[in-house]
Amino acid sequence: MDNHLWSQATWPELARLGLRGAESKTPSGGETPRVVALLPVGAVEAHGPHLPLITDVTIAVAAAKAAAPGLETRGYRTRVLPAITYTAAPFAAGFPGTISVRPSTVVALIRDVAASVGAQGVTALVLVNAHLDPDHVASLREAATRSREALAVVFPDISRKPWALRMTDEFKSGACHAGQYETSVVMAAAPDSVREDVRRRLPENSTSLSEAIGRGVTTFEEAGVSEAYCGAPAAATSEEGVQTIQTQGQIVIDSVCEELG
C-alpha cells in the first residue's frame, strides 16, 4: 500500500508519479500532474520532562501523513518529504538538548528545498508546521514568500485564524507547550516515546505562552515555564491525539484546496 513517503520511494516510482530529474527541461510526456509535496517542520527542543526533544517533528509528520490520503482523493499526487528537524528554537535554548539554528538558515534551507522539488515538477510545497517559536514562525513566513519564485507554496499557520480556531481549547489558551494538546498527539503517534510514569505526576501549569510573548518575553524561564512545559500533560489521552491529528490533517487539505483549487 502507498504510504506517501518521499523518502521510502525509489526514483522510478517518483518518475511514474510524474516527476523528472532537476536537469530535465520538459515533462516526460502527457498531461502535467498536480504533485503536492508536504514538508513537515519541527524542532529539536525541550518538551517537559516527559516528551522527547523531537515532539514537534512527530506532530508535524503525523499531520502530513493524515493529510496525504485526502489530498489524493481530491486529485493531487501527494508525497510527504523528510522532515526539517533543525530550526530556530531560542525560547528553549536554556534547556539541555535544544538545538537552535539561525532563522536565516531555515529560510535558506526551505528555499533550496523548494527550488529542488520545483525543478522536478512538484506543483506546490506545503509547510506542515508544529513548532511555534516566534522566530521560527517568522522564518517560515519569509521562506514561504521567497520560495514562491520556484513553485506554489502553502503555509497553513495554525497559530493564526482561521486555522487556530479549529485547534483544541488548550492550544487556543496558549498554555500548550508539552501540555495536554502535544502530549495527546505524541501518545497517539509515538506512544513508546512518552515517559508515562513522569507524565501522570505532572501538575498543570496554566502559563500562557502566547500572552507571555505578547509581553515581550523571549524564554521559557522568563515566562514561568521552568520545566519546559505548560498546560496539563496529565490530562492527555491518545484518543484526543487521534482526533487532533485528524483535525490538523484536514487543515492541510483545506488550505491546499483553498489556495490551489
C-alpha atoms as a PDB file:
ATOM      1  CA  MET A   1       0.000   0.000   0.000  1.00  0.00           C
ATOM      2  CA  ASP A   2       1.235   3.511  -0.823  1.00  0.00           C
ATOM      3  CA  ASN A   3       2.460   5.213   2.352  1.00  0.00           C
ATOM      4  CA  HIS A   4       3.011   8.533   0.522  1.00  0.00           C
ATOM      5  CA  LEU A   5       6.549   8.885   1.891  1.00  0.00           C
ATOM      6  CA  TRP A   6       9.034  10.517  -0.477  1.00  0.00           C
ATOM      7  CA  SER A   7      11.942   9.022   1.474  1.00  0.00           C
ATOM      8  CA  GLN A   8      10.701   5.461   1.030  1.00  0.00           C
ATOM      9  CA  ALA A   9      10.113   5.725  -2.728  1.00  0.00           C
ATOM     10  CA  THR A  10      12.557   4.707  -5.432  1.00  0.00           C
ATOM     11  CA  TRP A  11      13.411   7.110  -8.217  1.00  0.00           C
ATOM     12  CA  PRO A  12      11.460   5.068 -10.838  1.00  0.00           C
ATOM     13  CA  GLU A  13       8.402   5.215  -8.587  1.00  0.00           C
ATOM     14  CA  LEU A  14       8.680   9.001  -8.372  1.00  0.00           C
ATOM     15  CA  ALA A  15       9.160   9.141 -12.135  1.00  0.00           C
ATOM     16  CA  ARG A  16       5.885   7.248 -12.574  1.00  0.00           C
ATOM     17  CA  LEU A  17       4.281   9.805 -10.268  1.00  0.00           C
ATOM     18  CA  GLY A  18       5.185  12.426 -12.872  1.00  0.00           C
ATOM     19  CA  LEU A  19       8.456  13.788 -11.503  1.00  0.00           C
ATOM     20  CA  ARG A  20      11.613  14.243 -13.570  1.00  0.00           C
ATOM     21  CA  GLY A  21      15.253  14.960 -12.967  1.00  0.00           C
ATOM     22  CA  ALA A  22      16.046  18.517 -11.914  1.00  0.00           C
ATOM     23  CA  GLU A  23      18.092  18.977 -15.118  1.00  0.00           C
ATOM     24  CA  SER A  24      15.202  17.989 -17.381  1.00  0.00           C
ATOM     25  CA  LYS A  25      13.503  20.876 -19.135  1.00  0.00           C
ATOM     26  CA  THR A  26      10.258  19.179 -20.100  1.00  0.00           C
ATOM     27  CA  PRO A  27       7.940  16.592 -18.553  1.00  0.00           C
ATOM     28  CA  SER A  28       8.237  13.006 -19.752  1.00  0.00           C
ATOM     29  CA  GLY A  29       5.024  13.319 -21.737  1.00  0.00           C
ATOM     30  CA  GLY A  30       1.274  13.508 -21.290  1.00  0.00           C
ATOM     31  CA  GLU A  31      -0.704  15.817 -19.060  1.00  0.00           C
ATOM     32  CA  THR A  32       1.321  17.535 -16.329  1.00  0.00           C
ATOM     33  CA  PRO A  33       0.212  16.081 -12.982  1.00  0.00           C
ATOM     34  CA  ARG A  34      -0.588  18.129  -9.901  1.00  0.00           C
ATOM     35  CA  VAL A  35       2.048  16.937  -7.440  1.00  0.00           C
ATOM     36  CA  VAL A  36       1.997  18.273  -3.899  1.00  0.00           C
ATOM     37  CA  ALA A  37       4.963  17.820  -1.565  1.00  0.00           C
ATOM     38  CA  LEU A  38       4.171  18.087   2.139  1.00  0.00           C
ATOM     39  CA  LEU A  39       7.151  19.282   4.187  1.00  0.00           C
ATOM     40  CA  PRO A  40       6.810  18.574   7.939  1.00  0.00           C
ATOM     41  CA  VAL A  41       8.663  21.131  10.029  1.00  0.00           C
ATOM     42  CA  GLY A  42       9.537  20.695  13.699  1.00  0.00           C
ATOM     43  CA  ALA A  43      12.409  21.288  16.092  1.00  0.00           C
ATOM     44  CA  VAL A  44      14.873  19.648  18.442  1.00  0.00           C
ATOM     45  CA  GLU A  45      13.652  21.323  21.597  1.00  0.00           C
ATOM     46  CA  ALA A  46      12.915  20.623  25.262  1.00  0.00           C
ATOM     47  CA  HIS A  47       9.336  19.416  25.786  1.00  0.00           C
ATOM     48  CA  GLY A  48       8.962  18.932  29.520  1.00  0.00           C
ATOM     49  CA  PRO A  49      10.410  16.002  31.455  1.00  0.00           C
ATOM     50  CA  HIS A  50       8.038  13.543  29.746  1.00  0.00           C
ATOM     51  CA  LEU A  51       8.250  14.105  25.970  1.00  0.00           C
ATOM     52  CA  PRO A  52      11.173  13.673  23.567  1.00  0.00           C
ATOM     53  CA  LEU A  53      13.066  16.544  22.022  1.00  0.00           C
ATOM     54  CA  ILE A  54      11.612  15.776  18.579  1.00  0.00           C
ATOM     55  CA  THR A  55       7.998  16.153  19.730  1.00  0.00           C
ATOM     56  CA  ASP A  56       7.246  18.880  17.179  1.00  0.00           C
ATOM     57  CA  VAL A  57       8.680  16.736  14.390  1.00  0.00           C
ATOM     58  CA  THR A  58       6.455  13.841  15.471  1.00  0.00           C
ATOM     59  CA  ILE A  59       3.372  16.080  15.415  1.00  0.00           C
ATOM     60  CA  ALA A  60       4.188  17.624  12.033  1.00  0.00           C
ATOM     61  CA  VAL A  61       4.859  14.251  10.398  1.00  0.00           C
ATOM     62  CA  ALA A  62       1.616  12.825  11.806  1.00  0.00           C
ATOM     63  CA  ALA A  63      -0.375  15.765  10.421  1.00  0.00           C
ATOM     64  CA  ALA A  64       1.254  15.451   6.990  1.00  0.00           C
ATOM     65  CA  LYS A  65       0.609  11.716   6.833  1.00  0.00           C
ATOM     66  CA  ALA A  66      -3.011  12.293   7.834  1.00  0.00           C
ATOM     67  CA  ALA A  67      -3.470  14.837   5.044  1.00  0.00           C
ATOM     68  CA  ALA A  68      -1.964  12.792   2.211  1.00  0.00           C
ATOM     69  CA  PRO A  69      -4.862  10.366   1.507  1.00  0.00           C
ATOM     70  CA  GLY A  70      -7.405  13.179   1.476  1.00  0.00           C
ATOM     71  CA  LEU A  71      -5.344  15.193  -0.973  1.00  0.00           C
ATOM     72  CA  GLU A  72      -5.054  12.133  -3.203  1.00  0.00           C
ATOM     73  CA  THR A  73      -8.844  11.794  -3.334  1.00  0.00           C
ATOM     74  CA  ARG A  74      -9.005  15.426  -4.454  1.00  0.00           C
ATOM     75  CA  GLY A  75      -6.758  14.797  -7.426  1.00  0.00           C
ATOM     76  CA  TYR A  76      -3.340  15.707  -6.047  1.00  0.00           C
ATOM     77  CA  ARG A  77      -0.465  13.267  -6.309  1.00  0.00           C
ATOM     78  CA  THR A  78       0.946  13.645  -2.822  1.00  0.00           C
ATOM     79  CA  ARG A  79       4.238  12.845  -1.140  1.00  0.00           C
ATOM     80  CA  VAL A  80       5.437  13.585   2.409  1.00  0.00           C
ATOM     81  CA  LEU A  81       9.010  14.863   2.321  1.00  0.00           C
ATOM     82  CA  PRO A  82      11.573  14.048   5.014  1.00  0.00           C
ATOM     83  CA  ALA A  83      11.018  16.476   7.876  1.00  0.00           C
ATOM     84  CA  ILE A  84      13.035  19.567   8.658  1.00  0.00           C
ATOM     85  CA  THR A  85      14.265  18.958  12.195  1.00  0.00           C
ATOM     86  CA  TYR A  86      16.724  21.746  12.962  1.00  0.00           C
ATOM     87  CA  THR A  87      15.295  25.232  13.216  1.00  0.00           C
ATOM     88  CA  ALA A  88      15.228  28.375  15.330  1.00  0.00           C
ATOM     89  CA  ALA A  89      14.331  27.469  18.919  1.00  0.00           C
ATOM     90  CA  PRO A  90      15.665  30.289  21.116  1.00  0.00           C
ATOM     91  CA  PHE A  91      12.739  30.081  23.578  1.00  0.00           C
ATOM     92  CA  ALA A  92      14.019  26.724  24.827  1.00  0.00           C
ATOM     93  CA  ALA A  93      17.737  27.342  24.344  1.00  0.00           C
ATOM     94  CA  GLY A  94      18.342  27.327  28.104  1.00  0.00           C
ATOM     95  CA  PHE A  95      17.487  23.625  28.376  1.00  0.00           C
ATOM     96  CA  PRO A  96      19.910  20.781  27.647  1.00  0.00           C
ATOM     97  CA  GLY A  97      19.304  19.131  24.292  1.00  0.00           C
ATOM     98  CA  THR A  98      17.678  22.043  22.480  1.00  0.00           C
ATOM     99  CA  ILE A  99      19.403  22.772  19.174  1.00  0.00           C
ATOM    100  CA  SER A 100      18.676  26.214  17.741  1.00  0.00           C
ATOM    101  CA  VAL A 101      19.891  27.490  14.385  1.00  0.00           C
ATOM    102  CA  ARG A 102      19.630  30.941  12.837  1.00  0.00           C
ATOM    103  CA  PRO A 103      16.312  31.856  11.212  1.00  0.00           C
ATOM    104  CA  SER A 104      18.237  32.791   8.069  1.00  0.00           C
ATOM    105  CA  THR A 105      19.473  29.193   7.885  1.00  0.00           C
ATOM    106  CA  VAL A 106      15.883  27.936   7.954  1.00  0.00           C
ATOM    107  CA  VAL A 107      14.837  30.369   5.226  1.00  0.00           C
ATOM    108  CA  ALA A 108      17.746  29.338   3.014  1.00  0.00           C
ATOM    109  CA  LEU A 109      17.099  25.626   3.543  1.00  0.00           C
ATOM    110  CA  ILE A 110      13.406  25.832   2.675  1.00  0.00           C
ATOM    111  CA  ARG A 111      14.141  27.951  -0.386  1.00  0.00           C
ATOM    112  CA  ASP A 112      16.658  25.370  -1.578  1.00  0.00           C
ATOM    113  CA  VAL A 113      14.207  22.508  -0.997  1.00  0.00           C
ATOM    114  CA  ALA A 114      11.510  24.425  -2.844  1.00  0.00           C
ATOM    115  CA  ALA A 115      13.806  25.100  -5.793  1.00  0.00           C
ATOM    116  CA  SER A 116      14.880  21.460  -5.969  1.00  0.00           C
ATOM    117  CA  VAL A 117      11.428  19.894  -5.882  1.00  0.00           C
ATOM    118  CA  GLY A 118      10.012  22.623  -8.104  1.00  0.00           C
ATOM    119  CA  ALA A 119      12.604  21.823 -10.760  1.00  0.00           C
ATOM    120  CA  GLN A 120      11.417  18.209 -10.696  1.00  0.00           C
ATOM    121  CA  GLY A 121       7.827  19.132 -11.444  1.00  0.00           C
ATOM    122  CA  VAL A 122       6.281  19.446  -7.988  1.00  0.00           C
ATOM    123  CA  THR A 123       3.300  21.789  -8.257  1.00  0.00           C
ATOM    124  CA  ALA A 124       3.213  23.007  -4.670  1.00  0.00           C
ATOM    125  CA  LEU A 125       5.211  22.797  -1.461  1.00  0.00           C
ATOM    126  CA  VAL A 126       3.120  22.702   1.714  1.00  0.00           C
ATOM    127  CA  LEU A 127       4.756  23.659   5.016  1.00  0.00           C
ATOM    128  CA  VAL A 128       3.212  21.486   7.730  1.00  0.00           C
ATOM    129  CA  ASN A 129       4.485  23.122  10.886  1.00  0.00           C
ATOM    130  CA  ALA A 130       4.183  22.149  14.562  1.00  0.00           C
ATOM    131  CA  HIS A 131       6.825  24.405  16.143  1.00  0.00           C
ATOM    132  CA  LEU A 132       5.539  27.770  17.341  1.00  0.00           C
ATOM    133  CA  ASP A 133       8.629  29.654  18.495  1.00  0.00           C
ATOM    134  CA  PRO A 134       8.094  33.228  17.187  1.00  0.00           C
ATOM    135  CA  ASP A 135      11.467  33.363  15.424  1.00  0.00           C
ATOM    136  CA  HIS A 136      10.751  30.061  13.715  1.00  0.00           C
ATOM    137  CA  VAL A 137       7.262  31.008  12.546  1.00  0.00           C
ATOM    138  CA  ALA A 138       8.590  34.300  11.185  1.00  0.00           C
ATOM    139  CA  SER A 139      11.241  32.390   9.237  1.00  0.00           C
ATOM    140  CA  LEU A 140       8.571  30.129   7.728  1.00  0.00           C
ATOM    141  CA  ARG A 141       6.527  33.110   6.616  1.00  0.00           C
ATOM    142  CA  GLU A 142       9.572  34.648   4.973  1.00  0.00           C
ATOM    143  CA  ALA A 143      10.577  31.346   3.385  1.00  0.00           C
ATOM    144  CA  ALA A 144       7.084  30.805   2.009  1.00  0.00           C
ATOM    145  CA  THR A 145       7.045  34.246   0.426  1.00  0.00           C
ATOM    146  CA  ARG A 146      10.528  33.980  -1.074  1.00  0.00           C
ATOM    147  CA  SER A 147      10.069  30.385  -2.295  1.00  0.00           C
ATOM    148  CA  ARG A 148       7.105  31.275  -4.483  1.00  0.00           C
ATOM    149  CA  GLU A 149       9.558  32.196  -7.215  1.00  0.00           C
ATOM    150  CA  ALA A 150      10.139  28.441  -7.635  1.00  0.00           C
ATOM    151  CA  LEU A 151       6.636  26.982  -7.182  1.00  0.00           C
ATOM    152  CA  ALA A 152       3.391  27.497  -5.291  1.00  0.00           C
ATOM    153  CA  VAL A 153       3.839  27.432  -1.512  1.00  0.00           C
ATOM    154  CA  VAL A 154       1.067  26.814   1.006  1.00  0.00           C
ATOM    155  CA  PHE A 155       1.613  27.560   4.692  1.00  0.00           C
ATOM    156  CA  PRO A 156      -1.412  26.886   6.914  1.00  0.00           C
ATOM    157  CA  ASP A 157      -0.222  28.750  10.013  1.00  0.00           C
ATOM    158  CA  ILE A 158      -2.067  27.099  12.906  1.00  0.00           C
ATOM    159  CA  SER A 159      -1.065  29.965  15.197  1.00  0.00           C
ATOM    160  CA  ARG A 160      -3.399  32.275  13.242  1.00  0.00           C
ATOM    161  CA  LYS A 161      -7.036  32.383  12.231  1.00  0.00           C
ATOM    162  CA  PRO A 162      -8.878  30.645  10.694  1.00  0.00           C
ATOM    163  CA  TRP A 163      -6.849  27.515  11.371  1.00  0.00           C
ATOM    164  CA  ALA A 164      -6.178  28.254  15.050  1.00  0.00           C
ATOM    165  CA  LEU A 165      -9.921  28.228  15.720  1.00  0.00           C
ATOM    166  CA  ARG A 166     -10.089  24.530  14.861  1.00  0.00           C
ATOM    167  CA  MET A 167      -7.479  23.545  17.413  1.00  0.00           C
ATOM    168  CA  THR A 168      -8.094  22.318  20.975  1.00  0.00           C
ATOM    169  CA  ASP A 169      -9.135  24.585  23.824  1.00  0.00           C
ATOM    170  CA  GLU A 170      -5.741  24.202  25.464  1.00  0.00           C
ATOM    171  CA  PHE A 171      -3.981  25.155  22.233  1.00  0.00           C
ATOM    172  CA  LYS A 172      -6.128  28.274  21.940  1.00  0.00           C
ATOM    173  CA  SER A 173      -5.327  29.231  25.547  1.00  0.00           C
ATOM    174  CA  GLY A 174      -1.626  29.462  24.728  1.00  0.00           C
ATOM    175  CA  ALA A 175      -0.750  27.161  27.648  1.00  0.00           C
ATOM    176  CA  CYS A 176       0.076  24.312  25.318  1.00  0.00           C
ATOM    177  CA  HIS A 177       3.775  23.514  25.177  1.00  0.00           C
ATOM    178  CA  ALA A 178       4.162  19.810  26.029  1.00  0.00           C
ATOM    179  CA  GLY A 179       0.761  20.015  27.702  1.00  0.00           C
ATOM    180  CA  GLN A 180      -2.459  18.122  27.005  1.00  0.00           C
ATOM    181  CA  TYR A 181      -2.517  19.011  23.297  1.00  0.00           C
ATOM    182  CA  GLU A 182       1.013  17.993  22.342  1.00  0.00           C
ATOM    183  CA  THR A 183       1.218  15.079  24.761  1.00  0.00           C
ATOM    184  CA  SER A 184      -2.023  13.622  23.395  1.00  0.00           C
ATOM    185  CA  VAL A 185      -0.703  13.713  19.841  1.00  0.00           C
ATOM    186  CA  VAL A 186       2.563  12.024  20.803  1.00  0.00           C
ATOM    187  CA  MET A 187       0.628   9.399  22.784  1.00  0.00           C
ATOM    188  CA  ALA A 188      -1.264   8.622  19.583  1.00  0.00           C
ATOM    189  CA  ALA A 189       1.613   8.881  17.097  1.00  0.00           C
ATOM    190  CA  ALA A 190       4.617   7.621  19.088  1.00  0.00           C
ATOM    191  CA  PRO A 191       3.359   6.211  22.411  1.00  0.00           C
ATOM    192  CA  ASP A 192       6.603   4.463  23.303  1.00  0.00           C
ATOM    193  CA  SER A 193       8.399   7.819  23.436  1.00  0.00           C
ATOM    194  CA  VAL A 194       6.222   9.219  26.259  1.00  0.00           C
ATOM    195  CA  ARG A 195       7.587   8.847  29.800  1.00  0.00           C
ATOM    196  CA  GLU A 196       4.262   7.779  31.248  1.00  0.00           C
ATOM    197  CA  ASP A 197       5.385   7.474  34.849  1.00  0.00           C
ATOM    198  CA  VAL A 198       6.537  11.103  34.742  1.00  0.00           C
ATOM    199  CA  ARG A 199       3.586  12.426  32.714  1.00  0.00           C
ATOM    200  CA  ARG A 200       0.937  11.200  35.150  1.00  0.00           C
ATOM    201  CA  ARG A 201       2.533  13.079  38.045  1.00  0.00           C
ATOM    202  CA  LEU A 202       2.975  16.459  36.386  1.00  0.00           C
ATOM    203  CA  PRO A 203       0.840  19.296  37.810  1.00  0.00           C
ATOM    204  CA  GLU A 204      -0.919  21.646  35.445  1.00  0.00           C
ATOM    205  CA  ASN A 205       0.937  24.838  34.533  1.00  0.00           C
ATOM    206  CA  SER A 206      -1.552  27.429  33.300  1.00  0.00           C
ATOM    207  CA  THR A 207       1.074  29.852  31.977  1.00  0.00           C
ATOM    208  CA  SER A 208       0.003  31.114  28.547  1.00  0.00           C
ATOM    209  CA  LEU A 209       2.986  31.400  26.250  1.00  0.00           C
ATOM    210  CA  SER A 210       1.037  33.490  23.759  1.00  0.00           C
ATOM    211  CA  GLU A 211       0.301  36.038  26.462  1.00  0.00           C
ATOM    212  CA  ALA A 212       3.926  35.956  27.627  1.00  0.00           C
ATOM    213  CA  ILE A 213       5.156  36.515  24.089  1.00  0.00           C
ATOM    214  CA  GLY A 214       2.774  39.441  23.814  1.00  0.00           C
ATOM    215  CA  ARG A 215       4.509  40.972  26.845  1.00  0.00           C
ATOM    216  CA  GLY A 216       7.886  40.649  25.158  1.00  0.00           C
ATOM    217  CA  VAL A 217       9.104  37.541  26.971  1.00  0.00           C
ATOM    218  CA  THR A 218      11.749  35.649  24.995  1.00  0.00           C
ATOM    219  CA  THR A 219      12.481  32.468  27.006  1.00  0.00           C
ATOM    220  CA  PHE A 220      10.558  29.732  28.777  1.00  0.00           C
ATOM    221  CA  GLU A 221      12.278  30.622  32.033  1.00  0.00           C
ATOM    222  CA  GLU A 222      11.144  34.259  31.834  1.00  0.00           C
ATOM    223  CA  ALA A 223       7.605  33.086  31.097  1.00  0.00           C
ATOM    224  CA  GLY A 224       7.442  30.869  34.185  1.00  0.00           C
ATOM    225  CA  VAL A 225       7.824  27.621  32.269  1.00  0.00           C
ATOM    226  CA  SER A 226      10.703  26.313  34.363  1.00  0.00           C
ATOM    227  CA  GLU A 227      10.407  22.660  33.308  1.00  0.00           C
ATOM    228  CA  ALA A 228       9.790  23.373  29.616  1.00  0.00           C
ATOM    229  CA  TYR A 229       6.094  22.537  29.728  1.00  0.00           C
ATOM    230  CA  CYS A 230       2.807  24.314  30.261  1.00  0.00           C
ATOM    231  CA  GLY A 231      -0.744  23.086  30.093  1.00  0.00           C
ATOM    232  CA  ALA A 232      -1.985  19.801  31.538  1.00  0.00           C
ATOM    233  CA  PRO A 233       0.028  16.806  30.313  1.00  0.00           C
ATOM    234  CA  ALA A 234      -1.539  14.511  32.940  1.00  0.00           C
ATOM    235  CA  ALA A 235      -4.920  15.052  31.249  1.00  0.00           C
ATOM    236  CA  ALA A 236      -3.682  13.911  27.840  1.00  0.00           C
ATOM    237  CA  THR A 237      -5.217  10.896  26.081  1.00  0.00           C
ATOM    238  CA  SER A 238      -4.360   9.043  22.912  1.00  0.00           C
ATOM    239  CA  GLU A 239      -7.993   9.423  21.828  1.00  0.00           C
ATOM    240  CA  GLU A 240      -7.643  13.204  21.883  1.00  0.00           C
ATOM    241  CA  GLY A 241      -4.387  12.816  19.989  1.00  0.00           C
ATOM    242  CA  VAL A 242      -6.030  10.831  17.206  1.00  0.00           C
ATOM    243  CA  GLN A 243      -8.729  13.496  16.838  1.00  0.00           C
ATOM    244  CA  THR A 244      -6.169  16.305  16.825  1.00  0.00           C
ATOM    245  CA  ILE A 245      -4.100  14.594  14.138  1.00  0.00           C
ATOM    246  CA  GLN A 246      -7.219  14.264  12.011  1.00  0.00           C
ATOM    247  CA  THR A 247      -8.033  17.932  12.577  1.00  0.00           C
ATOM    248  CA  GLN A 248      -4.548  19.038  11.599  1.00  0.00           C
ATOM    249  CA  GLY A 249      -4.609  16.810   8.539  1.00  0.00           C
ATOM    250  CA  GLN A 250      -7.895  18.360   7.455  1.00  0.00           C
ATOM    251  CA  ILE A 251      -6.442  21.846   7.942  1.00  0.00           C
ATOM    252  CA  VAL A 252      -3.686  20.929   5.494  1.00  0.00           C
ATOM    253  CA  ILE A 253      -6.200  19.546   2.997  1.00  0.00           C
ATOM    254  CA  ASP A 254      -8.461  22.584   3.217  1.00  0.00           C
ATOM    255  CA  SER A 255      -5.588  25.040   2.916  1.00  0.00           C
ATOM    256  CA  VAL A 256      -4.269  23.344  -0.215  1.00  0.00           C
ATOM    257  CA  CYS A 257      -7.716  23.197  -1.822  1.00  0.00           C
ATOM    258  CA  GLU A 258      -8.385  26.825  -0.873  1.00  0.00           C
ATOM    259  CA  GLU A 259      -5.149  28.107  -2.403  1.00  0.00           C
ATOM    260  CA  LEU A 260      -4.734  25.759  -5.373  1.00  0.00           C
ATOM    261  CA  GLY A 261      -8.326  24.936  -6.230  1.00  0.00           C
END
